[in-house]
Amino acid sequence: WTTYCLCQQPQYLERVQQEVDEIIGDRRPNFDDIKWVEILADAHVCAQNHKSREAIQKFTDLEAYFSNNLHILLHKAKLQIEMDELVDAQYNFNKAREYDSDNMDMMGKYSFLPFFQFFSLFSILFLII
C-alpha cells in the first residue's frame, strides 16, 4: 500500500528516495540502518502516554538521522505547546514552514500559538498585579 501511494505522489517518492540515499548511500543496507524506527516508535509511545519530555528527547535523537525532518519538527512543536514551551514551539514550527511551506499538518496548532503566547503573558502580568 505504501508503494502504491508513493507512486501516486512522485514528489513524495523522490523525497523518500533522498532520505534513504542520505542514510544508506551506495552500500548495502543492514539492521543498524533501521535503528531509527525503534526510536520513532518509542517517541510516539511516550507522546501517547503523556511523557512529553521523553518524547521530545527521542524526537531530538531522531534529528541525528534526519535533519530538518518535517515530521520530527511538527511533533516536537506540538509537544512543546502542550508543555507550555511556546518559544521553542514557535521556533520548530517556523523551521517546519521554512522546510516545506506548503505543508498544512498541525497548522491549526501553529495558528493558535500567538494566542497561547498572549494569554500566557497576560496570566503572568495578572499574577504580578
N, C-alpha and C. Protein backbone atom coordinates (compact mmCIF):
# COMPACT_ATOMS: atom_id res chain seq x y z
N TRP A 1 0.82 -1.19 0.00
CA TRP A 1 0.00 0.00 0.00
C TRP A 1 0.87 1.25 0.00
N THR A 2 1.92 1.24 0.78
CA THR A 2 2.82 2.39 0.84
C THR A 2 3.44 2.67 -0.52
N THR A 3 3.89 1.62 -1.18
CA THR A 3 4.49 1.78 -2.50
C THR A 3 3.48 2.35 -3.49
N TYR A 4 2.26 1.84 -3.44
CA TYR A 4 1.21 2.35 -4.33
C TYR A 4 0.97 3.84 -4.10
N CYS A 5 0.84 4.23 -2.83
CA CYS A 5 0.60 5.64 -2.50
C CYS A 5 1.76 6.52 -2.95
N LEU A 6 2.99 6.05 -2.74
CA LEU A 6 4.15 6.83 -3.17
C LEU A 6 4.20 6.99 -4.68
N CYS A 7 3.78 5.96 -5.40
CA CYS A 7 3.76 6.05 -6.86
C CYS A 7 2.73 7.06 -7.34
N GLN A 8 1.68 7.27 -6.56
CA GLN A 8 0.66 8.24 -6.92
C GLN A 8 1.12 9.68 -6.67
N GLN A 9 2.11 9.84 -5.82
CA GLN A 9 2.64 11.16 -5.46
C GLN A 9 4.15 11.18 -5.69
N PRO A 10 4.60 11.36 -6.92
CA PRO A 10 6.03 11.25 -7.22
C PRO A 10 6.92 12.21 -6.43
N GLN A 11 6.39 13.38 -6.03
CA GLN A 11 7.23 14.30 -5.26
C GLN A 11 7.58 13.71 -3.90
N TYR A 12 6.68 12.92 -3.31
CA TYR A 12 6.98 12.27 -2.03
C TYR A 12 7.90 11.08 -2.22
N LEU A 13 7.71 10.36 -3.32
CA LEU A 13 8.60 9.24 -3.62
C LEU A 13 10.03 9.74 -3.77
N GLU A 14 10.20 10.86 -4.45
CA GLU A 14 11.52 11.44 -4.62
C GLU A 14 12.13 11.83 -3.27
N ARG A 15 11.31 12.41 -2.39
CA ARG A 15 11.80 12.82 -1.07
C ARG A 15 12.19 11.59 -0.23
N VAL A 16 11.40 10.53 -0.30
CA VAL A 16 11.73 9.30 0.42
C VAL A 16 13.04 8.73 -0.11
N GLN A 17 13.19 8.71 -1.42
CA GLN A 17 14.43 8.20 -2.01
C GLN A 17 15.64 9.02 -1.56
N GLN A 18 15.49 10.33 -1.46
CA GLN A 18 16.58 11.18 -1.00
C GLN A 18 16.96 10.84 0.44
N GLU A 19 15.95 10.62 1.30
CA GLU A 19 16.24 10.29 2.69
C GLU A 19 16.92 8.93 2.80
N VAL A 20 16.49 7.96 2.01
CA VAL A 20 17.13 6.65 2.02
C VAL A 20 18.57 6.79 1.54
N ASP A 21 18.79 7.55 0.49
CA ASP A 21 20.15 7.74 -0.03
C ASP A 21 21.05 8.43 0.99
N GLU A 22 20.49 9.36 1.78
CA GLU A 22 21.28 10.03 2.81
C GLU A 22 21.81 9.04 3.84
N ILE A 23 20.97 8.07 4.19
CA ILE A 23 21.34 7.12 5.24
C ILE A 23 22.14 5.96 4.69
N ILE A 24 21.71 5.38 3.60
CA ILE A 24 22.32 4.17 3.07
C ILE A 24 23.50 4.48 2.16
N GLY A 25 23.34 5.48 1.30
CA GLY A 25 24.39 5.78 0.33
C GLY A 25 24.50 4.68 -0.70
N ASP A 26 25.72 4.30 -1.02
CA ASP A 26 25.96 3.27 -2.04
C ASP A 26 26.14 1.87 -1.47
N ARG A 27 26.12 1.75 -0.16
CA ARG A 27 26.37 0.43 0.44
C ARG A 27 25.08 -0.36 0.60
N ARG A 28 25.24 -1.60 0.98
CA ARG A 28 24.09 -2.48 1.19
C ARG A 28 23.48 -2.20 2.57
N PRO A 29 22.15 -2.06 2.67
CA PRO A 29 21.54 -1.77 3.98
C PRO A 29 21.70 -2.93 4.96
N ASN A 30 21.71 -2.58 6.28
CA ASN A 30 21.76 -3.60 7.33
C ASN A 30 20.82 -3.20 8.46
N PHE A 31 20.75 -4.00 9.50
CA PHE A 31 19.80 -3.75 10.59
C PHE A 31 20.11 -2.47 11.37
N ASP A 32 21.37 -2.06 11.41
CA ASP A 32 21.71 -0.82 12.10
C ASP A 32 21.08 0.40 11.42
N ASP A 33 20.79 0.26 10.13
CA ASP A 33 20.20 1.37 9.38
C ASP A 33 18.76 1.66 9.79
N ILE A 34 18.12 0.71 10.44
CA ILE A 34 16.73 0.95 10.83
C ILE A 34 16.56 1.12 12.33
N LYS A 35 17.65 1.38 13.04
CA LYS A 35 17.56 1.66 14.48
C LYS A 35 16.63 2.84 14.75
N TRP A 36 16.59 3.79 13.82
CA TRP A 36 15.75 4.97 13.97
C TRP A 36 14.27 4.60 14.08
N VAL A 37 13.88 3.46 13.51
CA VAL A 37 12.48 3.05 13.57
C VAL A 37 12.07 2.81 15.03
N GLU A 38 12.94 2.17 15.78
CA GLU A 38 12.68 1.92 17.20
C GLU A 38 12.58 3.24 17.97
N ILE A 39 13.47 4.17 17.68
CA ILE A 39 13.43 5.47 18.36
C ILE A 39 12.14 6.20 18.01
N LEU A 40 11.74 6.16 16.74
CA LEU A 40 10.50 6.81 16.32
C LEU A 40 9.29 6.20 17.02
N ALA A 41 9.24 4.88 17.09
CA ALA A 41 8.13 4.21 17.77
C ALA A 41 8.11 4.59 19.25
N ASP A 42 9.28 4.60 19.89
CA ASP A 42 9.36 4.99 21.30
C ASP A 42 8.90 6.44 21.50
N ALA A 43 9.26 7.31 20.58
CA ALA A 43 8.85 8.72 20.69
C ALA A 43 7.34 8.85 20.66
N HIS A 44 6.70 8.12 19.74
CA HIS A 44 5.24 8.19 19.65
C HIS A 44 4.56 7.55 20.86
N VAL A 45 5.14 6.47 21.37
CA VAL A 45 4.57 5.83 22.58
C VAL A 45 4.67 6.79 23.76
N CYS A 46 5.81 7.43 23.92
CA CYS A 46 5.97 8.41 25.00
C CYS A 46 4.96 9.55 24.86
N ALA A 47 4.78 10.03 23.65
CA ALA A 47 3.82 11.12 23.42
C ALA A 47 2.40 10.67 23.77
N GLN A 48 2.04 9.46 23.38
CA GLN A 48 0.70 8.94 23.68
C GLN A 48 0.49 8.75 25.17
N ASN A 49 1.56 8.44 25.89
CA ASN A 49 1.47 8.21 27.34
C ASN A 49 1.73 9.49 28.13
N HIS A 50 1.67 10.63 27.45
CA HIS A 50 1.83 11.95 28.07
C HIS A 50 3.18 12.11 28.77
N LYS A 51 4.19 11.47 28.22
CA LYS A 51 5.57 11.66 28.69
C LYS A 51 6.26 12.59 27.69
N SER A 52 5.81 13.82 27.69
CA SER A 52 6.21 14.78 26.66
C SER A 52 7.70 15.05 26.66
N ARG A 53 8.30 15.20 27.82
CA ARG A 53 9.75 15.49 27.88
C ARG A 53 10.55 14.35 27.23
N GLU A 54 10.19 13.10 27.55
CA GLU A 54 10.88 11.95 26.96
C GLU A 54 10.64 11.89 25.46
N ALA A 55 9.43 12.18 25.03
CA ALA A 55 9.10 12.15 23.61
C ALA A 55 9.91 13.20 22.85
N ILE A 56 10.00 14.41 23.41
CA ILE A 56 10.79 15.46 22.76
C ILE A 56 12.24 15.03 22.64
N GLN A 57 12.78 14.39 23.68
CA GLN A 57 14.17 13.94 23.63
C GLN A 57 14.36 12.89 22.54
N LYS A 58 13.41 11.98 22.41
CA LYS A 58 13.52 10.95 21.38
C LYS A 58 13.40 11.54 19.98
N PHE A 59 12.49 12.52 19.81
CA PHE A 59 12.41 13.19 18.52
C PHE A 59 13.70 13.95 18.22
N THR A 60 14.30 14.53 19.26
CA THR A 60 15.58 15.22 19.09
C THR A 60 16.67 14.23 18.69
N ASP A 61 16.66 13.04 19.29
CA ASP A 61 17.62 11.99 18.91
C ASP A 61 17.47 11.61 17.44
N LEU A 62 16.25 11.62 16.96
CA LEU A 62 15.99 11.29 15.55
C LEU A 62 16.58 12.31 14.59
N GLU A 63 16.77 13.54 15.06
CA GLU A 63 17.35 14.56 14.20
C GLU A 63 18.78 14.22 13.78
N ALA A 64 19.45 13.34 14.53
CA ALA A 64 20.77 12.87 14.12
C ALA A 64 20.68 12.04 12.84
N TYR A 65 19.55 11.38 12.64
CA TYR A 65 19.33 10.59 11.43
C TYR A 65 18.73 11.43 10.31
N PHE A 66 17.81 12.32 10.66
CA PHE A 66 17.07 13.10 9.67
C PHE A 66 17.02 14.56 10.11
N SER A 67 17.96 15.36 9.63
CA SER A 67 17.94 16.77 9.99
C SER A 67 16.84 17.48 9.22
N ASN A 68 16.22 18.46 9.86
CA ASN A 68 15.13 19.24 9.26
C ASN A 68 14.00 18.37 8.73
N ASN A 69 13.68 17.30 9.43
CA ASN A 69 12.58 16.43 9.02
C ASN A 69 11.27 17.04 9.49
N LEU A 70 10.35 17.20 8.57
CA LEU A 70 9.08 17.85 8.85
C LEU A 70 8.31 17.14 9.96
N HIS A 71 8.23 15.83 9.90
CA HIS A 71 7.51 15.05 10.90
C HIS A 71 8.07 15.30 12.31
N ILE A 72 9.37 15.28 12.42
CA ILE A 72 10.03 15.49 13.71
C ILE A 72 9.77 16.90 14.22
N LEU A 73 9.97 17.89 13.36
CA LEU A 73 9.79 19.28 13.77
C LEU A 73 8.36 19.54 14.25
N LEU A 74 7.38 19.03 13.51
CA LEU A 74 5.98 19.28 13.87
C LEU A 74 5.59 18.59 15.16
N HIS A 75 6.05 17.36 15.34
CA HIS A 75 5.70 16.66 16.58
C HIS A 75 6.39 17.28 17.80
N LYS A 76 7.63 17.73 17.63
CA LYS A 76 8.29 18.42 18.74
C LYS A 76 7.54 19.69 19.09
N ALA A 77 7.14 20.45 18.08
CA ALA A 77 6.42 21.71 18.33
C ALA A 77 5.09 21.45 19.03
N LYS A 78 4.38 20.43 18.60
CA LYS A 78 3.10 20.10 19.24
C LYS A 78 3.30 19.75 20.71
N LEU A 79 4.30 18.94 21.00
CA LEU A 79 4.58 18.58 22.39
C LEU A 79 5.03 19.80 23.20
N GLN A 80 5.78 20.68 22.58
CA GLN A 80 6.25 21.88 23.28
C GLN A 80 5.08 22.80 23.62
N ILE A 81 4.07 22.87 22.76
CA ILE A 81 2.88 23.64 23.10
C ILE A 81 2.19 23.04 24.31
N GLU A 82 2.07 21.72 24.32
CA GLU A 82 1.42 21.04 25.45
C GLU A 82 2.17 21.28 26.75
N MET A 83 3.49 21.47 26.67
CA MET A 83 4.30 21.71 27.86
C MET A 83 4.46 23.19 28.15
N ASP A 84 3.78 24.02 27.38
CA ASP A 84 3.82 25.47 27.54
C ASP A 84 5.21 26.04 27.27
N GLU A 85 5.97 25.38 26.40
CA GLU A 85 7.27 25.87 25.94
C GLU A 85 7.04 26.56 24.59
N LEU A 86 6.39 27.71 24.65
CA LEU A 86 5.88 28.35 23.45
C LEU A 86 6.96 28.91 22.54
N VAL A 87 8.04 29.39 23.10
CA VAL A 87 9.13 29.93 22.27
C VAL A 87 9.76 28.81 21.46
N ASP A 88 10.02 27.67 22.10
CA ASP A 88 10.59 26.52 21.39
C ASP A 88 9.62 25.99 20.33
N ALA A 89 8.34 25.97 20.67
CA ALA A 89 7.33 25.52 19.71
C ALA A 89 7.31 26.43 18.49
N GLN A 90 7.35 27.72 18.73
CA GLN A 90 7.36 28.69 17.62
C GLN A 90 8.58 28.46 16.73
N TYR A 91 9.73 28.24 17.35
CA TYR A 91 10.96 28.00 16.60
C TYR A 91 10.82 26.77 15.69
N ASN A 92 10.31 25.67 16.25
CA ASN A 92 10.18 24.44 15.46
C ASN A 92 9.12 24.55 14.38
N PHE A 93 8.01 25.23 14.67
CA PHE A 93 7.00 25.45 13.63
C PHE A 93 7.59 26.30 12.50
N ASN A 94 8.35 27.34 12.85
CA ASN A 94 8.95 28.18 11.82
C ASN A 94 9.94 27.40 10.96
N LYS A 95 10.73 26.53 11.60
CA LYS A 95 11.66 25.69 10.83
C LYS A 95 10.90 24.77 9.88
N ALA A 96 9.78 24.22 10.37
CA ALA A 96 8.97 23.34 9.53
C ALA A 96 8.40 24.11 8.33
N ARG A 97 7.95 25.33 8.58
CA ARG A 97 7.40 26.15 7.49
C ARG A 97 8.48 26.53 6.49
N GLU A 98 9.70 26.79 6.96
CA GLU A 98 10.80 27.08 6.04
C GLU A 98 11.13 25.88 5.18
N TYR A 99 11.08 24.71 5.79
CA TYR A 99 11.44 23.48 5.08
C TYR A 99 10.38 23.11 4.04
N ASP A 100 9.10 23.27 4.39
CA ASP A 100 8.02 22.93 3.47
C ASP A 100 6.85 23.87 3.72
N SER A 101 6.83 24.96 3.01
CA SER A 101 5.82 26.00 3.23
C SER A 101 4.43 25.57 2.77
N ASP A 102 4.32 24.52 1.98
CA ASP A 102 3.02 24.05 1.50
C ASP A 102 2.35 23.07 2.46
N ASN A 103 3.10 22.55 3.41
CA ASN A 103 2.55 21.55 4.33
C ASN A 103 1.57 22.19 5.30
N MET A 104 0.44 21.56 5.50
CA MET A 104 -0.60 22.10 6.38
C MET A 104 -0.79 21.28 7.66
N ASP A 105 -0.01 20.21 7.84
CA ASP A 105 -0.14 19.39 9.05
C ASP A 105 0.10 20.22 10.30
N MET A 106 -0.77 20.09 11.24
CA MET A 106 -0.68 20.74 12.56
C MET A 106 -0.70 22.27 12.49
N MET A 107 -1.07 22.82 11.37
CA MET A 107 -1.08 24.28 11.25
C MET A 107 -2.20 24.91 12.09
N GLY A 108 -3.19 24.11 12.48
CA GLY A 108 -4.20 24.61 13.41
C GLY A 108 -3.57 25.00 14.73
N LYS A 109 -2.70 24.13 15.22
CA LYS A 109 -1.98 24.45 16.47
C LYS A 109 -1.05 25.64 16.27
N TYR A 110 -0.39 25.67 15.13
CA TYR A 110 0.52 26.77 14.82
C TYR A 110 -0.23 28.10 14.79
N SER A 111 -1.41 28.10 14.21
CA SER A 111 -2.16 29.36 14.09
C SER A 111 -2.61 29.90 15.44
N PHE A 112 -2.78 29.03 16.43
CA PHE A 112 -3.20 29.49 17.76
C PHE A 112 -2.03 29.86 18.66
N LEU A 113 -0.82 29.62 18.22
CA LEU A 113 0.35 29.90 19.03
C LEU A 113 0.45 31.35 19.49
N PRO A 114 0.18 32.35 18.64
CA PRO A 114 0.22 33.74 19.15
C PRO A 114 -0.79 33.99 20.27
N PHE A 115 -1.96 33.34 20.20
CA PHE A 115 -2.96 33.50 21.27
C PHE A 115 -2.47 32.85 22.55
N PHE A 116 -1.85 31.66 22.44
CA PHE A 116 -1.31 30.99 23.61
C PHE A 116 -0.25 31.87 24.27
N GLN A 117 0.60 32.48 23.44
CA GLN A 117 1.66 33.34 23.97
C GLN A 117 1.07 34.57 24.64
N PHE A 118 0.05 35.16 24.03
CA PHE A 118 -0.59 36.35 24.60
C PHE A 118 -1.21 36.03 25.95
N PHE A 119 -1.98 34.93 26.01
CA PHE A 119 -2.65 34.59 27.26
C PHE A 119 -1.67 34.13 28.32
N SER A 120 -0.57 33.54 27.91
CA SER A 120 0.46 33.17 28.87
C SER A 120 1.07 34.43 29.48
N LEU A 121 1.38 35.41 28.65
CA LEU A 121 1.92 36.68 29.13
C LEU A 121 0.89 37.41 29.99
N PHE A 122 -0.37 37.39 29.54
CA PHE A 122 -1.44 38.05 30.28
C PHE A 122 -1.60 37.43 31.67
N SER A 123 -1.54 36.10 31.76
CA SER A 123 -1.71 35.46 33.06
C SER A 123 -0.54 35.78 33.99
N ILE A 124 0.68 35.93 33.43
CA ILE A 124 1.84 36.30 34.25
C ILE A 124 1.66 37.71 34.78
N LEU A 125 1.24 38.62 33.91
CA LEU A 125 1.00 40.00 34.33
C LEU A 125 -0.10 40.07 35.38
N PHE A 126 -1.13 39.27 35.21
CA PHE A 126 -2.25 39.25 36.16
C PHE A 126 -1.77 38.79 37.54
N LEU A 127 -0.87 37.80 37.57
CA LEU A 127 -0.34 37.31 38.84
C LEU A 127 0.56 38.35 39.51
N ILE A 128 1.27 39.12 38.71
CA ILE A 128 2.16 40.14 39.25
C ILE A 128 1.36 41.29 39.86
N ILE A 129 0.29 41.65 39.20
CA ILE A 129 -0.52 42.79 39.65
C ILE A 129 -1.36 42.32 40.79
